């Protein structure tokens, strides 16, 4: 059974939608149904966009160049509101020769892209920060860093004051975790430490 949205989550839903997120994305972020997300957004006075009028930030020419440079379909789709399968169709229809997704060792990253990831990590960027800046995922950053035999830094304590600040603004635990590069469950443990039944927080994996 889903937990009803807190009053602060209604504001978060409206803000996400106003910034261009789709109803599906808002619902997924807040872990509610699409009708619940729609009701929360409308309740904040935000008008729902007509079907087919959802904003897209997908640039086909840029995507073609990035795909040729080794980007994955998932990386190209991130932040566009499109699915990886839809990106595949758009590229294919544009005449791009698609890589064989079944190939066990299909090249995913160019040497230049791997070097960019390693350089950013060596410069002190966290796994989450490097992934965000280079528009990839944390798992890819971790794999590339390990393949380059770079010593992986240990976990660091996240900004607990920032967690409390965002929670007071009405952010959900999962939204706070996404913002700070950790898990929503870890944010919950931090903010509820000391309460009956809550476990003390542990170091977050925020390398």
C-alpha atoms as a PDB file:
ATOM      1  CA  UNK A   1       0.000   0.000   0.000  1.00  0.00           C
ATOM      2  CA  UNK A   2       1.368   3.412  -0.948  1.00  0.00           C
ATOM      3  CA  UNK A   3       1.836   6.122   1.666  1.00  0.00           C
ATOM      4  CA  UNK A   4      -0.192   9.259   0.861  1.00  0.00           C
ATOM      5  CA  UNK A   5       1.851  12.229  -0.255  1.00  0.00           C
ATOM      6  CA  UNK A   6       2.895  14.627   2.484  1.00  0.00           C
ATOM      7  CA  UNK A   7       1.870  18.287   1.970  1.00  0.00           C
ATOM      8  CA  UNK A   8       5.463  19.179   1.109  1.00  0.00           C
ATOM      9  CA  UNK A   9       5.570  16.499  -1.587  1.00  0.00           C
ATOM     10  CA  UNK A  10       2.749  18.256  -3.445  1.00  0.00           C
ATOM     11  CA  UNK A  11       5.031  21.279  -3.849  1.00  0.00           C
ATOM     12  CA  UNK A  12       7.898  19.064  -4.963  1.00  0.00           C
ATOM     13  CA  UNK A  13       5.658  17.390  -7.567  1.00  0.00           C
ATOM     14  CA  UNK A  14       4.530  20.748  -8.937  1.00  0.00           C
ATOM     15  CA  UNK A  15       8.098  22.074  -9.051  1.00  0.00           C
ATOM     16  CA  UNK A  16       9.396  19.000 -10.902  1.00  0.00           C
ATOM     17  CA  UNK A  17       6.569  19.163 -13.434  1.00  0.00           C
ATOM     18  CA  UNK A  18       7.007  22.912 -13.948  1.00  0.00           C
ATOM     19  CA  UNK A  19      10.694  22.303 -14.728  1.00  0.00           C
ATOM     20  CA  UNK A  20       9.705  19.949 -17.552  1.00  0.00           C
ATOM     21  CA  UNK A  21       9.421  16.507 -15.932  1.00  0.00           C
ATOM     22  CA  UNK A  22       6.690  14.268 -17.327  1.00  0.00           C
ATOM     23  CA  UNK A  23       3.813  13.016 -15.178  1.00  0.00           C
ATOM     24  CA  UNK A  24       5.333   9.543 -15.292  1.00  0.00           C
ATOM     25  CA  UNK A  25       8.696  10.840 -14.100  1.00  0.00           C
ATOM     26  CA  UNK A  26       7.120  12.817 -11.244  1.00  0.00           C
ATOM     27  CA  UNK A  27       5.102   9.774 -10.193  1.00  0.00           C
ATOM     28  CA  UNK A  28       8.175   7.554 -10.283  1.00  0.00           C
ATOM     29  CA  UNK A  29      10.262  10.063  -8.316  1.00  0.00           C
ATOM     30  CA  UNK A  30       7.634  10.345  -5.552  1.00  0.00           C
ATOM     31  CA  UNK A  31       6.646   6.665  -5.740  1.00  0.00           C
ATOM     32  CA  UNK A  32       2.964   7.297  -6.377  1.00  0.00           C
ATOM     33  CA  UNK A  33       0.570   6.574  -9.232  1.00  0.00           C
ATOM     34  CA  UNK A  34       0.296   8.939 -12.196  1.00  0.00           C
ATOM     35  CA  UNK A  35      -3.255  10.013 -11.180  1.00  0.00           C
ATOM     36  CA  UNK A  36      -1.960  10.864  -7.693  1.00  0.00           C
ATOM     37  CA  UNK A  37       0.896  12.868  -9.184  1.00  0.00           C
ATOM     38  CA  UNK A  38      -1.530  14.671 -11.495  1.00  0.00           C
ATOM     39  CA  UNK A  39      -3.845  15.536  -8.590  1.00  0.00           C
ATOM     40  CA  UNK A  40      -0.941  16.873  -6.519  1.00  0.00           C
ATOM     41  CA  UNK A  41       0.281  19.063  -9.394  1.00  0.00           C
ATOM     42  CA  UNK A  42      -3.170  20.427 -10.213  1.00  0.00           C
ATOM     43  CA  UNK A  43      -3.752  21.078  -6.517  1.00  0.00           C
ATOM     44  CA  UNK A  44      -0.767  23.430  -6.574  1.00  0.00           C
ATOM     45  CA  UNK A  45      -2.320  25.458  -9.383  1.00  0.00           C
ATOM     46  CA  UNK A  46      -0.080  24.099 -12.163  1.00  0.00           C
ATOM     47  CA  UNK A  47      -1.797  23.404 -15.485  1.00  0.00           C
ATOM     48  CA  UNK A  48      -1.257  19.967 -16.991  1.00  0.00           C
ATOM     49  CA  UNK A  49       0.286  20.079 -20.457  1.00  0.00           C
ATOM     50  CA  UNK A  50      -1.800  18.634 -23.336  1.00  0.00           C
ATOM     51  CA  UNK A  51      -0.779  15.159 -24.582  1.00  0.00           C
ATOM     52  CA  UNK A  52       1.972  15.396 -27.137  1.00  0.00           C
ATOM     53  CA  UNK A  53       3.147  18.700 -25.702  1.00  0.00           C
ATOM     54  CA  UNK A  54       5.659  17.215 -23.303  1.00  0.00           C
ATOM     55  CA  UNK A  55       9.019  19.026 -23.471  1.00  0.00           C
ATOM     56  CA  UNK A  56      11.916  17.165 -24.992  1.00  0.00           C
ATOM     57  CA  UNK A  57      15.559  18.081 -24.776  1.00  0.00           C
ATOM     58  CA  UNK A  58      16.665  15.362 -27.190  1.00  0.00           C
ATOM     59  CA  UNK A  59      18.984  16.596 -29.922  1.00  0.00           C
ATOM     60  CA  UNK A  60      19.280  13.952 -32.632  1.00  0.00           C
ATOM     61  CA  UNK A  61      22.521  15.267 -34.138  1.00  0.00           C
ATOM     62  CA  UNK A  62      24.199  15.453 -30.729  1.00  0.00           C
ATOM     63  CA  UNK A  63      22.902  11.982 -29.889  1.00  0.00           C
ATOM     64  CA  UNK A  64      24.303  10.555 -33.126  1.00  0.00           C
ATOM     65  CA  UNK A  65      27.738  11.985 -32.371  1.00  0.00           C
ATOM     66  CA  UNK A  66      27.681  10.754 -28.776  1.00  0.00           C
ATOM     67  CA  UNK A  67      26.522   7.286 -29.810  1.00  0.00           C
ATOM     68  CA  UNK A  68      29.401   7.089 -32.268  1.00  0.00           C
ATOM     69  CA  UNK A  69      31.721   8.122 -29.416  1.00  0.00           C
ATOM     70  CA  UNK A  70      30.565   5.174 -27.315  1.00  0.00           C
ATOM     71  CA  UNK A  71      27.650   6.467 -25.263  1.00  0.00           C
ATOM     72  CA  UNK A  72      25.004   3.891 -24.328  1.00  0.00           C
ATOM     73  CA  UNK A  73      21.335   4.267 -25.200  1.00  0.00           C
ATOM     74  CA  UNK A  74      20.531   4.629 -21.509  1.00  0.00           C
ATOM     75  CA  UNK A  75      23.035   7.467 -21.162  1.00  0.00           C
ATOM     76  CA  UNK A  76      21.621   9.228 -24.219  1.00  0.00           C
ATOM     77  CA  UNK A  77      18.080   8.914 -22.869  1.00  0.00           C
ATOM     78  CA  UNK A  78      18.918  10.237 -19.382  1.00  0.00           C
ATOM     79  CA  UNK A  79      17.193  13.541 -18.675  1.00  0.00           C
ATOM     80  CA  UNK A  80      15.333  13.688 -22.013  1.00  0.00           C
ATOM     81  CA  UNK A  81      12.043  12.137 -20.985  1.00  0.00           C
ATOM     82  CA  UNK A  82      12.596   9.410 -23.605  1.00  0.00           C
ATOM     83  CA  UNK A  83      13.185   5.729 -23.008  1.00  0.00           C
ATOM     84  CA  UNK A  84      16.328   3.970 -24.197  1.00  0.00           C
ATOM     85  CA  UNK A  85      14.231   1.962 -26.663  1.00  0.00           C
ATOM     86  CA  UNK A  86      12.766   5.159 -28.123  1.00  0.00           C
ATOM     87  CA  UNK A  87      16.262   6.611 -28.537  1.00  0.00           C
ATOM     88  CA  UNK A  88      17.258   3.385 -30.316  1.00  0.00           C
ATOM     89  CA  UNK A  89      14.379   3.815 -32.775  1.00  0.00           C
ATOM     90  CA  UNK A  90      15.198   7.469 -33.449  1.00  0.00           C
ATOM     91  CA  UNK A  91      18.850   6.703 -34.137  1.00  0.00           C
ATOM     92  CA  UNK A  92      18.043   3.689 -36.286  1.00  0.00           C
ATOM     93  CA  UNK A  93      15.505   5.643 -38.340  1.00  0.00           C
ATOM     94  CA  UNK A  94      18.134   8.364 -38.814  1.00  0.00           C
ATOM     95  CA  UNK A  95      20.399   5.833 -40.503  1.00  0.00           C
ATOM     96  CA  UNK A  96      22.757   5.181 -37.593  1.00  0.00           C
ATOM     97  CA  UNK A  97      24.334   1.723 -37.591  1.00  0.00           C
ATOM     98  CA  UNK A  98      23.394   0.335 -34.198  1.00  0.00           C
ATOM     99  CA  UNK A  99      25.752  -1.740 -32.114  1.00  0.00           C
ATOM    100  CA  UNK A 100      24.851  -5.354 -31.423  1.00  0.00           C
ATOM    101  CA  UNK A 101      23.445  -5.230 -27.898  1.00  0.00           C
ATOM    102  CA  UNK A 102      23.987  -8.991 -27.561  1.00  0.00           C
ATOM    103  CA  UNK A 103      27.735  -8.733 -28.056  1.00  0.00           C
ATOM    104  CA  UNK A 104      29.413  -9.694 -24.788  1.00  0.00           C
ATOM    105  CA  UNK A 105      32.269  -7.294 -25.285  1.00  0.00           C
ATOM    106  CA  UNK A 106      30.681  -4.630 -27.421  1.00  0.00           C
ATOM    107  CA  UNK A 107      32.704  -1.414 -27.069  1.00  0.00           C
ATOM    108  CA  UNK A 108      30.702   1.002 -24.916  1.00  0.00           C
ATOM    109  CA  UNK A 109      33.190   3.762 -24.215  1.00  0.00           C
ATOM    110  CA  UNK A 110      35.902   5.320 -26.312  1.00  0.00           C
ATOM    111  CA  UNK A 111      39.401   5.742 -24.936  1.00  0.00           C
ATOM    112  CA  UNK A 112      38.842   9.502 -24.723  1.00  0.00           C
ATOM    113  CA  UNK A 113      35.664   9.077 -22.704  1.00  0.00           C
ATOM    114  CA  UNK A 114      37.315   6.633 -20.317  1.00  0.00           C
ATOM    115  CA  UNK A 115      40.187   9.051 -19.825  1.00  0.00           C
ATOM    116  CA  UNK A 116      37.739  11.872 -19.087  1.00  0.00           C
ATOM    117  CA  UNK A 117      36.072   9.783 -16.377  1.00  0.00           C
ATOM    118  CA  UNK A 118      39.383   8.783 -14.793  1.00  0.00           C
ATOM    119  CA  UNK A 119      40.713  12.354 -14.925  1.00  0.00           C
ATOM    120  CA  UNK A 120      37.582  13.758 -13.277  1.00  0.00           C
ATOM    121  CA  UNK A 121      37.731  11.125 -10.541  1.00  0.00           C
ATOM    122  CA  UNK A 122      41.432  11.700  -9.888  1.00  0.00           C
ATOM    123  CA  UNK A 123      40.698  15.435  -9.610  1.00  0.00           C
ATOM    124  CA  UNK A 124      38.607  14.684  -6.545  1.00  0.00           C
ATOM    125  CA  UNK A 125      35.115  14.249  -7.960  1.00  0.00           C
ATOM    126  CA  UNK A 126      32.898  11.694  -6.272  1.00  0.00           C
ATOM    127  CA  UNK A 127      31.481   8.815  -8.270  1.00  0.00           C
ATOM    128  CA  UNK A 128      28.065  10.498  -8.259  1.00  0.00           C
ATOM    129  CA  UNK A 129      29.486  13.897  -9.255  1.00  0.00           C
ATOM    130  CA  UNK A 130      31.542  12.471 -12.133  1.00  0.00           C
ATOM    131  CA  UNK A 131      28.527  10.522 -13.370  1.00  0.00           C
ATOM    132  CA  UNK A 132      26.385  13.638 -13.264  1.00  0.00           C
ATOM    133  CA  UNK A 133      28.925  15.903 -14.949  1.00  0.00           C
ATOM    134  CA  UNK A 134      29.732  13.428 -17.724  1.00  0.00           C
ATOM    135  CA  UNK A 135      26.117  12.286 -18.114  1.00  0.00           C
ATOM    136  CA  UNK A 136      26.679   8.640 -17.359  1.00  0.00           C
ATOM    137  CA  UNK A 137      25.793   6.374 -14.443  1.00  0.00           C
ATOM    138  CA  UNK A 138      27.696   5.745 -11.205  1.00  0.00           C
ATOM    139  CA  UNK A 139      28.160   2.066 -12.053  1.00  0.00           C
ATOM    140  CA  UNK A 140      29.985   3.006 -15.270  1.00  0.00           C
ATOM    141  CA  UNK A 141      32.240   5.440 -13.421  1.00  0.00           C
ATOM    142  CA  UNK A 142      33.102   2.829 -10.792  1.00  0.00           C
ATOM    143  CA  UNK A 143      33.870   0.211 -13.444  1.00  0.00           C
ATOM    144  CA  UNK A 144      36.084   2.538 -15.498  1.00  0.00           C
ATOM    145  CA  UNK A 145      37.986   3.729 -12.421  1.00  0.00           C
ATOM    146  CA  UNK A 146      38.612   0.168 -11.270  1.00  0.00           C
ATOM    147  CA  UNK A 147      39.644  -0.939 -14.778  1.00  0.00           C
ATOM    148  CA  UNK A 148      42.194   1.908 -14.785  1.00  0.00           C
ATOM    149  CA  UNK A 149      43.602   0.567 -11.493  1.00  0.00           C
ATOM    150  CA  UNK A 150      42.936   3.868  -9.752  1.00  0.00           C
ATOM    151  CA  UNK A 151      42.661   3.580  -5.996  1.00  0.00           C
ATOM    152  CA  UNK A 152      39.023   3.987  -5.024  1.00  0.00           C
ATOM    153  CA  UNK A 153      38.458   6.476  -2.240  1.00  0.00           C
ATOM    154  CA  UNK A 154      36.604   5.410   0.869  1.00  0.00           C
ATOM    155  CA  UNK A 155      33.136   6.559   1.766  1.00  0.00           C
ATOM    156  CA  UNK A 156      32.619  10.059   3.103  1.00  0.00           C
ATOM    157  CA  UNK A 157      30.044  11.480   5.455  1.00  0.00           C
ATOM    158  CA  UNK A 158      27.395  13.351   3.546  1.00  0.00           C
ATOM    159  CA  UNK A 159      26.046  16.762   4.539  1.00  0.00           C
ATOM    160  CA  UNK A 160      23.470  15.816   7.166  1.00  0.00           C
ATOM    161  CA  UNK A 161      22.474  19.455   7.699  1.00  0.00           C
ATOM    162  CA  UNK A 162      21.624  19.701   4.002  1.00  0.00           C
ATOM    163  CA  UNK A 163      19.521  16.550   4.320  1.00  0.00           C
ATOM    164  CA  UNK A 164      17.528  18.131   7.138  1.00  0.00           C
ATOM    165  CA  UNK A 165      17.184  21.378   5.208  1.00  0.00           C
ATOM    166  CA  UNK A 166      15.786  19.619   2.138  1.00  0.00           C
ATOM    167  CA  UNK A 167      13.469  17.495   4.262  1.00  0.00           C
ATOM    168  CA  UNK A 168      12.110  20.605   5.952  1.00  0.00           C
ATOM    169  CA  UNK A 169      11.399  21.996   2.477  1.00  0.00           C
ATOM    170  CA  UNK A 170       9.202  18.994   1.802  1.00  0.00           C
ATOM    171  CA  UNK A 171      11.560  16.809  -0.232  1.00  0.00           C
ATOM    172  CA  UNK A 172      11.037  13.048  -0.090  1.00  0.00           C
ATOM    173  CA  UNK A 173      13.802  10.793   1.213  1.00  0.00           C
ATOM    174  CA  UNK A 174      14.376   9.375  -2.277  1.00  0.00           C
ATOM    175  CA  UNK A 175      14.572  12.866  -3.808  1.00  0.00           C
ATOM    176  CA  UNK A 176      17.112  13.956  -1.175  1.00  0.00           C
ATOM    177  CA  UNK A 177      19.154  10.827  -1.824  1.00  0.00           C
ATOM    178  CA  UNK A 178      19.185  11.483  -5.565  1.00  0.00           C
ATOM    179  CA  UNK A 179      20.291  15.080  -4.966  1.00  0.00           C
ATOM    180  CA  UNK A 180      23.155  14.099  -2.649  1.00  0.00           C
ATOM    181  CA  UNK A 181      24.270  10.948  -4.441  1.00  0.00           C
ATOM    182  CA  UNK A 182      23.126   8.342  -1.936  1.00  0.00           C
ATOM    183  CA  UNK A 183      20.102   6.153  -1.210  1.00  0.00           C
ATOM    184  CA  UNK A 184      16.804   7.312   0.204  1.00  0.00           C
ATOM    185  CA  UNK A 185      17.014   4.610   2.869  1.00  0.00           C
ATOM    186  CA  UNK A 186      20.311   6.082   4.091  1.00  0.00           C
ATOM    187  CA  UNK A 187      18.753   9.564   4.300  1.00  0.00           C
ATOM    188  CA  UNK A 188      15.914   8.088   6.352  1.00  0.00           C
ATOM    189  CA  UNK A 189      18.355   6.478   8.784  1.00  0.00           C
ATOM    190  CA  UNK A 190      20.262   9.742   9.205  1.00  0.00           C
ATOM    191  CA  UNK A 191      17.200  11.882   9.839  1.00  0.00           C
ATOM    192  CA  UNK A 192      15.503   9.344  12.097  1.00  0.00           C
ATOM    193  CA  UNK A 193      18.554   8.275  14.122  1.00  0.00           C
ATOM    194  CA  UNK A 194      17.781   8.183  17.828  1.00  0.00           C
ATOM    195  CA  UNK A 195      14.085   7.570  17.360  1.00  0.00           C
ATOM    196  CA  UNK A 196      12.635   4.358  18.721  1.00  0.00           C
ATOM    197  CA  UNK A 197      13.148   1.531  16.261  1.00  0.00           C
ATOM    198  CA  UNK A 198      15.490   3.525  14.000  1.00  0.00           C
ATOM    199  CA  UNK A 199      19.023   2.305  13.360  1.00  0.00           C
ATOM    200  CA  UNK A 200      22.011   4.614  13.731  1.00  0.00           C
ATOM    201  CA  UNK A 201      23.302   5.902  10.373  1.00  0.00           C
ATOM    202  CA  UNK A 202      26.331   4.352   8.746  1.00  0.00           C
ATOM    203  CA  UNK A 203      28.834   5.804   6.323  1.00  0.00           C
ATOM    204  CA  UNK A 204      27.295   6.371   2.900  1.00  0.00           C
ATOM    205  CA  UNK A 205      28.796   4.896  -0.222  1.00  0.00           C
ATOM    206  CA  UNK A 206      29.321   8.289  -1.879  1.00  0.00           C
ATOM    207  CA  UNK A 207      32.670   7.724  -3.498  1.00  0.00           C
END
